[in-house]
Structures are given as structure tokens and as C-alpha cells.
PDB file of N, CA and C in Angstrom:
ATOM      1  N   UNK A   1     -14.981  16.050 -47.301  1.00  0.00           N
ATOM      2  CA  UNK A   1     -14.736  15.908 -45.879  1.00  0.00           C
ATOM      3  C   UNK A   1     -13.898  17.098 -45.406  1.00  0.00           C
ATOM      4  N   UNK A   2     -14.176  17.519 -44.202  1.00  0.00           N
ATOM      5  CA  UNK A   2     -13.417  18.619 -43.643  1.00  0.00           C
ATOM      6  C   UNK A   2     -11.993  18.168 -43.337  1.00  0.00           C
ATOM      7  N   UNK A   3     -11.050  19.055 -43.538  1.00  0.00           N
ATOM      8  CA  UNK A   3      -9.639  18.701 -43.396  1.00  0.00           C
ATOM      9  C   UNK A   3      -9.234  18.480 -41.945  1.00  0.00           C
ATOM     10  N   UNK A   4      -9.824  19.206 -41.029  1.00  0.00           N
ATOM     11  CA  UNK A   4      -9.386  19.153 -39.635  1.00  0.00           C
ATOM     12  C   UNK A   4     -10.325  18.327 -38.759  1.00  0.00           C
ATOM     13  N   UNK A   5     -10.635  17.106 -39.188  1.00  0.00           N
ATOM     14  CA  UNK A   5     -11.483  16.217 -38.406  1.00  0.00           C
ATOM     15  C   UNK A   5     -10.633  15.164 -37.726  1.00  0.00           C
ATOM     16  N   UNK A   6     -11.007  14.823 -36.500  1.00  0.00           N
ATOM     17  CA  UNK A   6     -10.383  13.690 -35.827  1.00  0.00           C
ATOM     18  C   UNK A   6     -10.841  12.423 -36.547  1.00  0.00           C
ATOM     19  N   UNK A   7      -9.907  11.573 -36.891  1.00  0.00           N
ATOM     20  CA  UNK A   7     -10.238  10.339 -37.612  1.00  0.00           C
ATOM     21  C   UNK A   7     -11.019   9.361 -36.741  1.00  0.00           C
ATOM     22  N   UNK A   8     -10.954   9.500 -35.423  1.00  0.00           N
ATOM     23  CA  UNK A   8     -11.650   8.585 -34.524  1.00  0.00           C
ATOM     24  C   UNK A   8     -13.055   9.018 -34.170  1.00  0.00           C
ATOM     25  N   UNK A   9     -13.221  10.312 -33.839  1.00  0.00           N
ATOM     26  CA  UNK A   9     -14.530  10.777 -33.353  1.00  0.00           C
ATOM     27  C   UNK A   9     -15.266  11.674 -34.348  1.00  0.00           C
ATOM     28  N   UNK A  10     -14.611  12.060 -35.441  1.00  0.00           N
ATOM     29  CA  UNK A  10     -15.202  12.880 -36.497  1.00  0.00           C
ATOM     30  C   UNK A  10     -15.592  14.282 -36.035  1.00  0.00           C
ATOM     31  N   UNK A  11     -15.026  14.727 -34.914  1.00  0.00           N
ATOM     32  CA  UNK A  11     -15.258  16.109 -34.486  1.00  0.00           C
ATOM     33  C   UNK A  11     -14.160  16.993 -35.056  1.00  0.00           C
ATOM     34  N   UNK A  12     -14.492  18.286 -35.197  1.00  0.00           N
ATOM     35  CA  UNK A  12     -13.478  19.251 -35.620  1.00  0.00           C
ATOM     36  C   UNK A  12     -12.590  19.583 -34.428  1.00  0.00           C
ATOM     37  N   UNK A  13     -11.456  20.188 -34.705  1.00  0.00           N
ATOM     38  CA  UNK A  13     -10.552  20.609 -33.644  1.00  0.00           C
ATOM     39  C   UNK A  13     -11.276  21.569 -32.699  1.00  0.00           C
ATOM     40  N   UNK A  14     -12.054  22.491 -33.246  1.00  0.00           N
ATOM     41  CA  UNK A  14     -12.810  23.445 -32.433  1.00  0.00           C
ATOM     42  C   UNK A  14     -13.830  22.727 -31.540  1.00  0.00           C
ATOM     43  N   UNK A  15     -14.542  21.745 -32.083  1.00  0.00           N
ATOM     44  CA  UNK A  15     -15.520  20.999 -31.286  1.00  0.00           C
ATOM     45  C   UNK A  15     -14.855  20.234 -30.146  1.00  0.00           C
ATOM     46  N   UNK A  16     -13.710  19.656 -30.416  1.00  0.00           N
ATOM     47  CA  UNK A  16     -12.971  18.938 -29.365  1.00  0.00           C
ATOM     48  C   UNK A  16     -12.541  19.907 -28.270  1.00  0.00           C
ATOM     49  N   UNK A  17     -12.050  21.059 -28.661  1.00  0.00           N
ATOM     50  CA  UNK A  17     -11.577  22.057 -27.694  1.00  0.00           C
ATOM     51  C   UNK A  17     -12.721  22.595 -26.832  1.00  0.00           C
ATOM     52  N   UNK A  18     -13.897  22.760 -27.405  1.00  0.00           N
ATOM     53  CA  UNK A  18     -15.041  23.320 -26.670  1.00  0.00           C
ATOM     54  C   UNK A  18     -15.804  22.284 -25.858  1.00  0.00           C
ATOM     55  N   UNK A  19     -15.628  20.989 -26.128  1.00  0.00           N
ATOM     56  CA  UNK A  19     -16.444  19.924 -25.559  1.00  0.00           C
ATOM     57  C   UNK A  19     -16.593  20.018 -24.039  1.00  0.00           C
ATOM     58  N   UNK A  20     -15.531  20.223 -23.317  1.00  0.00           N
ATOM     59  CA  UNK A  20     -15.573  20.226 -21.851  1.00  0.00           C
ATOM     60  C   UNK A  20     -16.384  21.396 -21.293  1.00  0.00           C
ATOM     61  N   UNK A  21     -16.515  22.464 -22.060  1.00  0.00           N
ATOM     62  CA  UNK A  21     -17.198  23.661 -21.570  1.00  0.00           C
ATOM     63  C   UNK A  21     -18.581  23.885 -22.163  1.00  0.00           C
ATOM     64  N   UNK A  22     -19.000  23.044 -23.073  1.00  0.00           N
ATOM     65  CA  UNK A  22     -20.289  23.232 -23.727  1.00  0.00           C
ATOM     66  C   UNK A  22     -21.373  22.504 -22.920  1.00  0.00           C
ATOM     67  N   UNK A  23     -22.587  23.061 -22.931  1.00  0.00           N
ATOM     68  CA  UNK A  23     -23.685  22.434 -22.189  1.00  0.00           C
ATOM     69  C   UNK A  23     -24.240  21.236 -22.958  1.00  0.00           C
ATOM     70  N   UNK A  24     -25.208  20.553 -22.353  1.00  0.00           N
ATOM     71  CA  UNK A  24     -25.758  19.336 -22.971  1.00  0.00           C
ATOM     72  C   UNK A  24     -26.364  19.599 -24.341  1.00  0.00           C
ATOM     73  N   UNK A  25     -27.064  20.728 -24.496  1.00  0.00           N
ATOM     74  CA  UNK A  25     -27.645  21.054 -25.800  1.00  0.00           C
ATOM     75  C   UNK A  25     -26.548  21.261 -26.845  1.00  0.00           C
ATOM     76  N   UNK A  26     -25.471  21.907 -26.450  1.00  0.00           N
ATOM     77  CA  UNK A  26     -24.351  22.100 -27.358  1.00  0.00           C
ATOM     78  C   UNK A  26     -23.712  20.782 -27.752  1.00  0.00           C
ATOM     79  N   UNK A  27     -23.592  19.868 -26.792  1.00  0.00           N
ATOM     80  CA  UNK A  27     -23.035  18.542 -27.098  1.00  0.00           C
ATOM     81  C   UNK A  27     -23.937  17.782 -28.059  1.00  0.00           C
ATOM     82  N   UNK A  28     -25.261  17.923 -27.872  1.00  0.00           N
ATOM     83  CA  UNK A  28     -26.188  17.266 -28.801  1.00  0.00           C
ATOM     84  C   UNK A  28     -26.028  17.819 -30.218  1.00  0.00           C
ATOM     85  N   UNK A  29     -25.822  19.125 -30.329  1.00  0.00           N
ATOM     86  CA  UNK A  29     -25.607  19.725 -31.651  1.00  0.00           C
ATOM     87  C   UNK A  29     -24.328  19.205 -32.291  1.00  0.00           C
ATOM     88  N   UNK A  30     -23.274  19.101 -31.499  1.00  0.00           N
ATOM     89  CA  UNK A  30     -22.006  18.579 -32.013  1.00  0.00           C
ATOM     90  C   UNK A  30     -22.189  17.138 -32.463  1.00  0.00           C
ATOM     91  N   UNK A  31     -22.871  16.332 -31.647  1.00  0.00           N
ATOM     92  CA  UNK A  31     -23.073  14.924 -31.997  1.00  0.00           C
ATOM     93  C   UNK A  31     -23.963  14.769 -33.228  1.00  0.00           C
ATOM     94  N   UNK A  32     -24.909  15.679 -33.415  1.00  0.00           N
ATOM     95  CA  UNK A  32     -25.731  15.652 -34.631  1.00  0.00           C
ATOM     96  C   UNK A  32     -24.870  15.959 -35.856  1.00  0.00           C
ATOM     97  N   UNK A  33     -23.947  16.900 -35.721  1.00  0.00           N
ATOM     98  CA  UNK A  33     -23.032  17.222 -36.823  1.00  0.00           C
ATOM     99  C   UNK A  33     -22.123  16.027 -37.116  1.00  0.00           C
ATOM    100  N   UNK A  34     -21.674  15.345 -36.065  1.00  0.00           N
ATOM    101  CA  UNK A  34     -20.840  14.147 -36.242  1.00  0.00           C
ATOM    102  C   UNK A  34     -21.613  13.080 -37.003  1.00  0.00           C
ATOM    103  N   UNK A  35     -22.866  12.850 -36.619  1.00  0.00           N
ATOM    104  CA  UNK A  35     -23.687  11.837 -37.295  1.00  0.00           C
ATOM    105  C   UNK A  35     -23.849  12.169 -38.776  1.00  0.00           C
ATOM    106  N   UNK A  36     -24.054  13.439 -39.083  1.00  0.00           N
ATOM    107  CA  UNK A  36     -24.189  13.856 -40.477  1.00  0.00           C
ATOM    108  C   UNK A  36     -22.882  13.629 -41.240  1.00  0.00           C
ATOM    109  N   UNK A  37     -21.757  13.927 -40.622  1.00  0.00           N
ATOM    110  CA  UNK A  37     -20.461  13.697 -41.274  1.00  0.00           C
ATOM    111  C   UNK A  37     -20.252  12.216 -41.553  1.00  0.00           C
ATOM    112  N   UNK A  38     -20.590  11.377 -40.567  1.00  0.00           N
ATOM    113  CA  UNK A  38     -20.417   9.930 -40.754  1.00  0.00           C
ATOM    114  C   UNK A  38     -21.277   9.419 -41.907  1.00  0.00           C
ATOM    115  N   UNK A  39     -22.529   9.893 -41.984  1.00  0.00           N
ATOM    116  CA  UNK A  39     -23.405   9.482 -43.089  1.00  0.00           C
ATOM    117  C   UNK A  39     -22.798   9.911 -44.419  1.00  0.00           C
ATOM    118  N   UNK A  40     -22.255  11.114 -44.465  1.00  0.00           N
ATOM    119  CA  UNK A  40     -21.628  11.604 -45.688  1.00  0.00           C
ATOM    120  C   UNK A  40     -20.427  10.772 -46.084  1.00  0.00           C
ATOM    121  N   UNK A  41     -19.640  10.373 -45.106  1.00  0.00           N
ATOM    122  CA  UNK A  41     -18.472   9.535 -45.390  1.00  0.00           C
ATOM    123  C   UNK A  41     -18.892   8.159 -45.876  1.00  0.00           C
ATOM    124  N   UNK A  42     -19.953   7.607 -45.284  1.00  0.00           N
ATOM    125  CA  UNK A  42     -20.459   6.312 -45.734  1.00  0.00           C
ATOM    126  C   UNK A  42     -20.884   6.378 -47.187  1.00  0.00           C
ATOM    127  N   UNK A  43     -21.560   7.467 -47.562  1.00  0.00           N
ATOM    128  CA  UNK A  43     -21.993   7.613 -48.950  1.00  0.00           C
ATOM    129  C   UNK A  43     -20.804   7.814 -49.874  1.00  0.00           C
ATOM    130  N   UNK A  44     -19.819   8.570 -49.421  1.00  0.00           N
ATOM    131  CA  UNK A  44     -18.623   8.781 -50.233  1.00  0.00           C
ATOM    132  C   UNK A  44     -17.910   7.459 -50.498  1.00  0.00           C
ATOM    133  N   UNK A  45     -17.952   6.553 -49.534  1.00  0.00           N
ATOM    134  CA  UNK A  45     -17.285   5.264 -49.682  1.00  0.00           C
ATOM    135  C   UNK A  45     -18.200   4.222 -50.332  1.00  0.00           C
ATOM    136  N   UNK A  46     -19.439   4.622 -50.658  1.00  0.00           N
ATOM    137  CA  UNK A  46     -20.358   3.708 -51.314  1.00  0.00           C
ATOM    138  C   UNK A  46     -21.075   2.766 -50.362  1.00  0.00           C
ATOM    139  N   UNK A  47     -21.052   3.057 -49.058  1.00  0.00           N
ATOM    140  CA  UNK A  47     -21.720   2.209 -48.073  1.00  0.00           C
ATOM    141  C   UNK A  47     -22.915   2.943 -47.476  1.00  0.00           C
ATOM    142  N   UNK A  48     -24.006   2.238 -47.307  1.00  0.00           N
ATOM    143  CA  UNK A  48     -25.173   2.710 -46.564  1.00  0.00           C
ATOM    144  C   UNK A  48     -25.772   4.015 -47.103  1.00  0.00           C
ATOM    145  N   UNK A  49     -25.585   4.308 -48.354  1.00  0.00           N
ATOM    146  CA  UNK A  49     -26.134   5.542 -48.899  1.00  0.00           C
ATOM    147  C   UNK A  49     -27.659   5.522 -48.890  1.00  0.00           C
ATOM    148  N   UNK A  50     -28.244   4.407 -49.237  1.00  0.00           N
ATOM    149  CA  UNK A  50     -29.686   4.314 -49.249  1.00  0.00           C
ATOM    150  C   UNK A  50     -30.235   4.497 -47.844  1.00  0.00           C
ATOM    151  N   UNK A  51     -29.624   3.892 -46.849  1.00  0.00           N
ATOM    152  CA  UNK A  51     -30.088   4.034 -45.476  1.00  0.00           C
ATOM    153  C   UNK A  51     -29.981   5.480 -45.019  1.00  0.00           C
ATOM    154  N   UNK A  52     -28.897   6.139 -45.354  1.00  0.00           N
ATOM    155  CA  UNK A  52     -28.709   7.532 -44.960  1.00  0.00           C
ATOM    156  C   UNK A  52     -29.735   8.411 -45.637  1.00  0.00           C
ATOM    157  N   UNK A  53     -30.046   8.127 -46.899  1.00  0.00           N
ATOM    158  CA  UNK A  53     -31.044   8.893 -47.625  1.00  0.00           C
ATOM    159  C   UNK A  53     -32.420   8.652 -47.046  1.00  0.00           C
ATOM    160  N   UNK A  54     -32.727   7.409 -46.706  1.00  0.00           N
ATOM    161  CA  UNK A  54     -34.021   7.081 -46.125  1.00  0.00           C
ATOM    162  C   UNK A  54     -34.223   7.764 -44.780  1.00  0.00           C
ATOM    163  N   UNK A  55     -33.179   7.871 -43.968  1.00  0.00           N
ATOM    164  CA  UNK A  55     -33.275   8.521 -42.663  1.00  0.00           C
ATOM    165  C   UNK A  55     -33.599   9.997 -42.824  1.00  0.00           C
ATOM    166  N   UNK A  56     -33.071  10.619 -43.837  1.00  0.00           N
ATOM    167  CA  UNK A  56     -33.274  12.055 -44.041  1.00  0.00           C
ATOM    168  C   UNK A  56     -34.697  12.357 -44.509  1.00  0.00           C
ATOM    169  N   UNK A  57     -35.349  11.392 -45.093  1.00  0.00           N
ATOM    170  CA  UNK A  57     -36.716  11.606 -45.638  1.00  0.00           C
ATOM    171  C   UNK A  57     -37.773  11.626 -44.566  1.00  0.00           C
TER     172      UNK A  57
END
């Protein structure tokens, strides 16, 4: 896991700082990165790994 992630929204400090000025496509990219981080954390904790793997296939 990245060291500088918000524990609530899983965004990096840089993503949080840029959020207000980024366009909709940029926000979608950030949210896609957040979703990937959450899936990784679920697998690290032993939860929903199969579901995360199935989604990637």
C-alpha cells in the first residue's frame, strides 16, 4: 500500500490536491486508481480476492 493514502478515500495527497482542478476524465482516472487500490487492500486482508480476480478477467 502506498504510504501517503487517505485512510477514508484511498486517494494520494497529490490526487486530493488536484481534485478541484481536474476535469471529469481526470476524476474518472483517479477513481479507477482508487478502485484498484481498494481491490488490492481487500486481497491483502484476505477478503474478496476471488471477486477482484474475476473482475480483472
